C-alpha atoms as a PDB file:
ATOM      1  CA  MET A   1       0.348  12.843  16.140  1.00  0.00           C
ATOM      2  CA  SER A   2      -0.093   9.925  13.700  1.00  0.00           C
ATOM      3  CA  ILE A   3      -1.563   6.539  14.777  1.00  0.00           C
ATOM      4  CA  ASN A   4       0.487   3.475  13.669  1.00  0.00           C
ATOM      5  CA  LEU A   5      -1.751   0.463  12.741  1.00  0.00           C
ATOM      6  CA  LYS A   6      -0.907  -3.228  12.377  1.00  0.00           C
ATOM      7  CA  LYS A   7      -2.486  -5.661   9.929  1.00  0.00           C
ATOM      8  CA  GLY A   8      -6.130  -6.274  10.839  1.00  0.00           C
ATOM      9  CA  GLU A   9      -6.542  -3.213  13.083  1.00  0.00           C
ATOM     10  CA  LYS A  10      -9.410  -0.854  12.406  1.00  0.00           C
ATOM     11  CA  ILE A  11      -9.934   2.766  13.364  1.00  0.00           C
ATOM     12  CA  ASN A  12     -12.691   5.403  12.886  1.00  0.00           C
ATOM     13  CA  LEU A  13     -11.830   8.071  10.422  1.00  0.00           C
ATOM     14  CA  THR A  14     -14.802  10.406  10.736  1.00  0.00           C
ATOM     15  CA  LYS A  15     -16.498  10.021  14.114  1.00  0.00           C
ATOM     16  CA  GLY A  16     -15.365  12.867  16.336  1.00  0.00           C
ATOM     17  CA  THR A  17     -12.371  13.689  14.190  1.00  0.00           C
ATOM     18  CA  GLY A  18     -13.840  16.472  11.971  1.00  0.00           C
ATOM     19  CA  ILE A  19     -12.249  14.756   8.970  1.00  0.00           C
ATOM     20  CA  LYS A  20     -14.297  15.194   5.894  1.00  0.00           C
ATOM     21  CA  LYS A  21     -11.679  14.726   3.180  1.00  0.00           C
ATOM     22  CA  VAL A  22      -8.601  12.644   3.160  1.00  0.00           C
ATOM     23  CA  ILE A  23      -5.456  11.972   1.115  1.00  0.00           C
ATOM     24  CA  VAL A  24      -4.566   8.316   1.091  1.00  0.00           C
ATOM     25  CA  GLY A  25      -0.802   8.193   0.322  1.00  0.00           C
ATOM     26  CA  LEU A  26       0.799   4.955  -0.878  1.00  0.00           C
ATOM     27  CA  GLY A  27       4.535   4.296  -1.075  1.00  0.00           C
ATOM     28  CA  TRP A  28       7.006   1.559  -1.616  1.00  0.00           C
ATOM     29  CA  ASP A  29      10.635   0.812  -2.679  1.00  0.00           C
ATOM     30  CA  THR A  30      11.693  -1.904  -5.131  1.00  0.00           C
ATOM     31  CA  ASN A  31      14.694  -4.046  -4.300  1.00  0.00           C
ATOM     32  CA  LYS A  32      17.557  -4.293  -6.639  1.00  0.00           C
ATOM     33  CA  TYR A  33      16.427  -6.752  -9.243  1.00  0.00           C
ATOM     34  CA  ASP A  34      18.477  -8.403 -11.972  1.00  0.00           C
ATOM     35  CA  GLY A  35      15.503  -9.178 -14.263  1.00  0.00           C
ATOM     36  CA  GLY A  36      16.127  -6.418 -16.815  1.00  0.00           C
ATOM     37  CA  PHE A  37      12.764  -4.736 -16.281  1.00  0.00           C
ATOM     38  CA  ASP A  38      11.812  -1.712 -14.180  1.00  0.00           C
ATOM     39  CA  PHE A  39       8.995  -1.954 -11.716  1.00  0.00           C
ATOM     40  CA  ASP A  40       5.757  -0.144 -12.284  1.00  0.00           C
ATOM     41  CA  LEU A  41       3.337  -0.370  -9.331  1.00  0.00           C
ATOM     42  CA  ASP A  42      -0.051   0.879  -9.711  1.00  0.00           C
ATOM     43  CA  ALA A  43      -2.645   1.945  -7.200  1.00  0.00           C
ATOM     44  CA  SER A  44      -6.295   1.019  -7.860  1.00  0.00           C
ATOM     45  CA  VAL A  45      -9.418   1.949  -6.075  1.00  0.00           C
ATOM     46  CA  PHE A  46     -12.777   0.097  -6.074  1.00  0.00           C
ATOM     47  CA  LEU A  47     -16.023   1.638  -4.831  1.00  0.00           C
ATOM     48  CA  LEU A  48     -18.128  -1.284  -3.567  1.00  0.00           C
ATOM     49  CA  ASP A  49     -21.819  -1.759  -2.689  1.00  0.00           C
ATOM     50  CA  ALA A  50     -23.206  -3.719   0.253  1.00  0.00           C
ATOM     51  CA  ASN A  51     -22.438  -7.025  -1.648  1.00  0.00           C
ATOM     52  CA  GLY A  52     -18.732  -6.070  -1.913  1.00  0.00           C
ATOM     53  CA  LYS A  53     -19.064  -5.507  -5.733  1.00  0.00           C
ATOM     54  CA  ALA A  54     -18.496  -2.551  -8.068  1.00  0.00           C
ATOM     55  CA  THR A  55     -21.698  -1.837  -9.844  1.00  0.00           C
ATOM     56  CA  SER A  56     -20.146  -0.249 -12.939  1.00  0.00           C
ATOM     57  CA  ASP A  57     -16.771   0.326 -14.584  1.00  0.00           C
ATOM     58  CA  SER A  58     -16.824   4.007 -13.263  1.00  0.00           C
ATOM     59  CA  ASP A  59     -16.527   2.518  -9.710  1.00  0.00           C
ATOM     60  CA  PHE A  60     -12.980   1.333 -10.690  1.00  0.00           C
ATOM     61  CA  ILE A  61     -10.472   4.156 -10.325  1.00  0.00           C
ATOM     62  CA  PHE A  62      -7.023   3.597 -11.680  1.00  0.00           C
ATOM     63  CA  TYR A  63      -4.430   5.175 -14.021  1.00  0.00           C
ATOM     64  CA  ASN A  64      -6.849   5.055 -17.038  1.00  0.00           C
ATOM     65  CA  ASN A  65      -9.823   6.383 -15.053  1.00  0.00           C
ATOM     66  CA  LEU A  66      -8.558   8.826 -12.488  1.00  0.00           C
ATOM     67  CA  LYS A  67     -11.824  10.351 -11.227  1.00  0.00           C
ATOM     68  CA  HIS A  68     -15.147   8.861 -10.074  1.00  0.00           C
ATOM     69  CA  PRO A  69     -18.181  10.682 -11.631  1.00  0.00           C
ATOM     70  CA  SER A  70     -19.286  11.748  -8.208  1.00  0.00           C
ATOM     71  CA  GLY A  71     -15.932  13.526  -7.564  1.00  0.00           C
ATOM     72  CA  ALA A  72     -15.749  11.480  -4.274  1.00  0.00           C
ATOM     73  CA  VAL A  73     -12.562   9.680  -5.317  1.00  0.00           C
ATOM     74  CA  ILE A  74      -9.609  11.101  -7.373  1.00  0.00           C
ATOM     75  CA  HIS A  75      -6.463   9.251  -8.266  1.00  0.00           C
ATOM     76  CA  THR A  76      -3.711  11.926  -8.683  1.00  0.00           C
ATOM     77  CA  GLY A  77      -1.843   9.988 -11.342  1.00  0.00           C
ATOM     78  CA  ASP A  78       0.509   7.058 -12.088  1.00  0.00           C
ATOM     79  CA  ASN A  79       4.029   7.224 -10.726  1.00  0.00           C
ATOM     80  CA  LYS A  80       5.778   4.799 -13.140  1.00  0.00           C
ATOM     81  CA  THR A  81       9.040   4.649 -11.166  1.00  0.00           C
ATOM     82  CA  GLY A  82       8.384   4.860  -7.473  1.00  0.00           C
ATOM     83  CA  GLU A  83      11.529   6.857  -7.108  1.00  0.00           C
ATOM     84  CA  GLY A  84      12.042   9.332  -4.351  1.00  0.00           C
ATOM     85  CA  GLU A  85      10.833   9.876  -0.809  1.00  0.00           C
ATOM     86  CA  GLY A  86       7.289  10.155   0.318  1.00  0.00           C
ATOM     87  CA  ASP A  87       4.118   9.074  -1.337  1.00  0.00           C
ATOM     88  CA  ASP A  88       4.442   7.326  -4.787  1.00  0.00           C
ATOM     89  CA  GLU A  89       0.712   7.600  -5.494  1.00  0.00           C
ATOM     90  CA  GLN A  90      -2.113   9.399  -3.900  1.00  0.00           C
ATOM     91  CA  ILE A  91      -6.002   8.972  -3.653  1.00  0.00           C
ATOM     92  CA  LEU A  92      -8.117  11.839  -2.719  1.00  0.00           C
ATOM     93  CA  ILE A  93     -11.399  10.917  -0.981  1.00  0.00           C
ATOM     94  CA  ASP A  94     -14.245  13.370  -0.117  1.00  0.00           C
ATOM     95  CA  PHE A  95     -16.564  11.525   2.307  1.00  0.00           C
ATOM     96  CA  GLU A  96     -19.432  13.958   1.693  1.00  0.00           C
ATOM     97  CA  LYS A  97     -19.532  13.121  -2.059  1.00  0.00           C
ATOM     98  CA  ILE A  98     -19.505   9.331  -1.790  1.00  0.00           C
ATOM     99  CA  PRO A  99     -22.759   7.975  -3.342  1.00  0.00           C
ATOM    100  CA  SER A 100     -25.157   6.528  -0.858  1.00  0.00           C
ATOM    101  CA  ASN A 101     -24.953   3.036  -2.368  1.00  0.00           C
ATOM    102  CA  ILE A 102     -21.223   2.795  -1.646  1.00  0.00           C
ATOM    103  CA  GLU A 103     -20.404   0.907   1.575  1.00  0.00           C
ATOM    104  CA  LYS A 104     -16.661   0.271   1.048  1.00  0.00           C
ATOM    105  CA  ILE A 105     -13.729   1.697  -0.690  1.00  0.00           C
ATOM    106  CA  SER A 106     -10.971  -0.954  -1.414  1.00  0.00           C
ATOM    107  CA  ILE A 107      -7.462   0.229  -2.231  1.00  0.00           C
ATOM    108  CA  ALA A 108      -5.015  -2.060  -3.832  1.00  0.00           C
ATOM    109  CA  VAL A 109      -1.551  -2.003  -5.472  1.00  0.00           C
ATOM    110  CA  THR A 110      -0.662  -4.158  -8.491  1.00  0.00           C
ATOM    111  CA  ILE A 111       2.511  -4.723 -10.329  1.00  0.00           C
ATOM    112  CA  HIS A 112       2.140  -3.942 -14.000  1.00  0.00           C
ATOM    113  CA  ASP A 113       2.870  -6.821 -16.251  1.00  0.00           C
ATOM    114  CA  ALA A 114       4.193  -8.847 -13.346  1.00  0.00           C
ATOM    115  CA  GLU A 115       3.983 -12.356 -14.825  1.00  0.00           C
ATOM    116  CA  THR A 116       5.859 -11.298 -18.031  1.00  0.00           C
ATOM    117  CA  ARG A 117       8.563  -9.500 -16.005  1.00  0.00           C
ATOM    118  CA  LYS A 118       8.812 -12.240 -13.366  1.00  0.00           C
ATOM    119  CA  GLN A 119       8.166  -9.687 -10.576  1.00  0.00           C
ATOM    120  CA  ASN A 120       6.258 -10.044  -7.233  1.00  0.00           C
ATOM    121  CA  PHE A 121       5.833  -8.195  -3.989  1.00  0.00           C
ATOM    122  CA  GLY A 122       8.706 -10.154  -2.412  1.00  0.00           C
ATOM    123  CA  GLN A 123      10.849  -7.736  -4.511  1.00  0.00           C
ATOM    124  CA  VAL A 124       9.130  -4.756  -2.946  1.00  0.00           C
ATOM    125  CA  SER A 125      10.028  -3.277   0.392  1.00  0.00           C
ATOM    126  CA  ASN A 126       8.998  -0.451   2.741  1.00  0.00           C
ATOM    127  CA  ALA A 127       5.364  -0.483   1.498  1.00  0.00           C
ATOM    128  CA  PHE A 128       3.040   1.768   3.432  1.00  0.00           C
ATOM    129  CA  VAL A 129      -0.316   3.530   3.414  1.00  0.00           C
ATOM    130  CA  ARG A 130      -1.067   6.691   5.278  1.00  0.00           C
ATOM    131  CA  VAL A 131      -4.089   8.773   5.738  1.00  0.00           C
ATOM    132  CA  ILE A 132      -3.835  12.612   5.835  1.00  0.00           C
ATOM    133  CA  ASN A 133      -6.623  14.989   6.725  1.00  0.00           C
ATOM    134  CA  GLN A 134      -6.880  17.113   3.548  1.00  0.00           C
ATOM    135  CA  ASP A 135      -8.000  20.172   5.447  1.00  0.00           C
ATOM    136  CA  THR A 136      -5.107  20.311   7.912  1.00  0.00           C
ATOM    137  CA  ASN A 137      -2.498  18.383   5.916  1.00  0.00           C
ATOM    138  CA  GLU A 138      -1.830  16.367   9.145  1.00  0.00           C
ATOM    139  CA  GLU A 139      -1.096  12.616   9.037  1.00  0.00           C
ATOM    140  CA  TYR A 140      -3.856  10.877  10.887  1.00  0.00           C
ATOM    141  CA  LEU A 141      -2.753   7.232  10.541  1.00  0.00           C
ATOM    142  CA  ARG A 142      -0.105   5.074   8.929  1.00  0.00           C
ATOM    143  CA  TYR A 143       0.090   1.353   8.209  1.00  0.00           C
ATOM    144  CA  ASP A 144       3.484  -0.184   7.327  1.00  0.00           C
ATOM    145  CA  LEU A 145       3.253  -3.509   5.576  1.00  0.00           C
ATOM    146  CA  SER A 146       5.870  -5.748   7.125  1.00  0.00           C
ATOM    147  CA  GLU A 147       4.680  -9.038   5.692  1.00  0.00           C
ATOM    148  CA  ASP A 148       6.793 -11.035   3.133  1.00  0.00           C
ATOM    149  CA  PHE A 149       4.829 -11.464   0.009  1.00  0.00           C
ATOM    150  CA  SER A 150       7.102 -13.860  -2.035  1.00  0.00           C
ATOM    151  CA  ILE A 151       4.694 -14.750  -4.919  1.00  0.00           C
ATOM    152  CA  GLU A 152       1.861 -12.249  -4.720  1.00  0.00           C
ATOM    153  CA  THR A 153       1.383  -9.713  -7.596  1.00  0.00           C
ATOM    154  CA  VAL A 154      -1.620  -7.903  -6.045  1.00  0.00           C
ATOM    155  CA  LEU A 155      -1.964  -6.420  -2.534  1.00  0.00           C
ATOM    156  CA  VAL A 156      -5.164  -5.104  -1.135  1.00  0.00           C
ATOM    157  CA  ILE A 157      -3.626  -2.631   1.128  1.00  0.00           C
ATOM    158  CA  CYS A 158      -6.640  -1.262   3.068  1.00  0.00           C
ATOM    159  CA  GLU A 159     -10.346  -0.732   3.069  1.00  0.00           C
ATOM    160  CA  ILE A 160     -12.296   2.253   4.093  1.00  0.00           C
ATOM    161  CA  TYR A 161     -15.840   1.123   5.005  1.00  0.00           C
ATOM    162  CA  LYS A 162     -19.084   2.704   6.322  1.00  0.00           C
ATOM    163  CA  HIS A 163     -20.370   1.535   9.631  1.00  0.00           C
ATOM    164  CA  ASN A 164     -23.337   3.326  11.333  1.00  0.00           C
ATOM    165  CA  ASN A 165     -22.879   6.293   8.842  1.00  0.00           C
ATOM    166  CA  GLU A 166     -19.222   6.734   9.936  1.00  0.00           C
ATOM    167  CA  TRP A 167     -16.170   5.882   7.820  1.00  0.00           C
ATOM    168  CA  LYS A 168     -13.594   3.546   9.267  1.00  0.00           C
ATOM    169  CA  PHE A 169     -10.162   2.367   8.069  1.00  0.00           C
ATOM    170  CA  ASN A 170      -9.141  -1.383   7.985  1.00  0.00           C
ATOM    171  CA  ALA A 171      -5.465  -2.244   7.622  1.00  0.00           C
ATOM    172  CA  VAL A 172      -5.980  -5.285   5.348  1.00  0.00           C
ATOM    173  CA  GLY A 173      -2.469  -6.182   3.936  1.00  0.00           C
ATOM    174  CA  SER A 174      -3.701  -9.181   1.949  1.00  0.00           C
ATOM    175  CA  GLY A 175      -1.824 -10.414  -1.118  1.00  0.00           C
ATOM    176  CA  PHE A 176      -2.648 -12.796  -3.927  1.00  0.00           C
ATOM    177  CA  SER A 177      -1.498 -13.742  -7.420  1.00  0.00           C
ATOM    178  CA  GLY A 178      -3.228 -13.057 -10.712  1.00  0.00           C
ATOM    179  CA  GLY A 179      -2.619  -9.447 -11.414  1.00  0.00           C
ATOM    180  CA  LEU A 180      -5.035  -6.611 -12.066  1.00  0.00           C
ATOM    181  CA  GLU A 181      -7.402  -8.763 -14.161  1.00  0.00           C
ATOM    182  CA  THR A 182      -8.051 -11.108 -11.240  1.00  0.00           C
ATOM    183  CA  LEU A 183      -8.599  -8.133  -8.907  1.00  0.00           C
ATOM    184  CA  VAL A 184     -11.149  -6.597 -11.337  1.00  0.00           C
ATOM    185  CA  LYS A 185     -13.054  -9.844 -11.631  1.00  0.00           C
ATOM    186  CA  ASN A 186     -13.022 -10.368  -7.866  1.00  0.00           C
ATOM    187  CA  TYR A 187     -14.895  -7.098  -7.409  1.00  0.00           C
ATOM    188  CA  GLY A 188     -17.640  -8.000 -10.009  1.00  0.00           C
ATOM    189  CA  LEU A 189     -16.373  -6.201 -13.134  1.00  0.00           C
ATOM    190  CA  ASP A 190     -15.438  -7.711 -16.567  1.00  0.00           C
ATOM    191  CA  ALA A 191     -11.690  -7.519 -17.220  1.00  0.00           C
END
């Protein structure tokens, strides 16, 4: 049975659960929009140290860098349309392969070329993240984003962080403007 979380809630992923590898599924629908452009939402993952920063470009996993060198985090690929049911993009995480210097994994979704296309998350609905135990294929938790993001072009959906050598999930749901470049700089990398 899946656990439903609300914004700000946290849950332990690994303590007593037997979970060693997860699939983080992200999904969304775009509202009918008369701007003449299709939406292209992209999931991004940042592997962060104790200071909340990525230490190298390889700690930034996205559509042009699908796999962390450690094999701990793999992005399964860019879904350019978001059409259909279920997950639009997926991130695979193997907790046993995460480098020891990584304390947090931040997962965000951005709208490609949002400023030029005059798009924002106010035009996106039914956004969710879910965590599936990769070994059993059972959904462990789900977080449905219900907030109204009227100007934001970036959403930090969730964070998976280490606490006392256990991995926990934090339903963040925090939006801001500025696109992928702002997000990359926020995590200490050059855009």
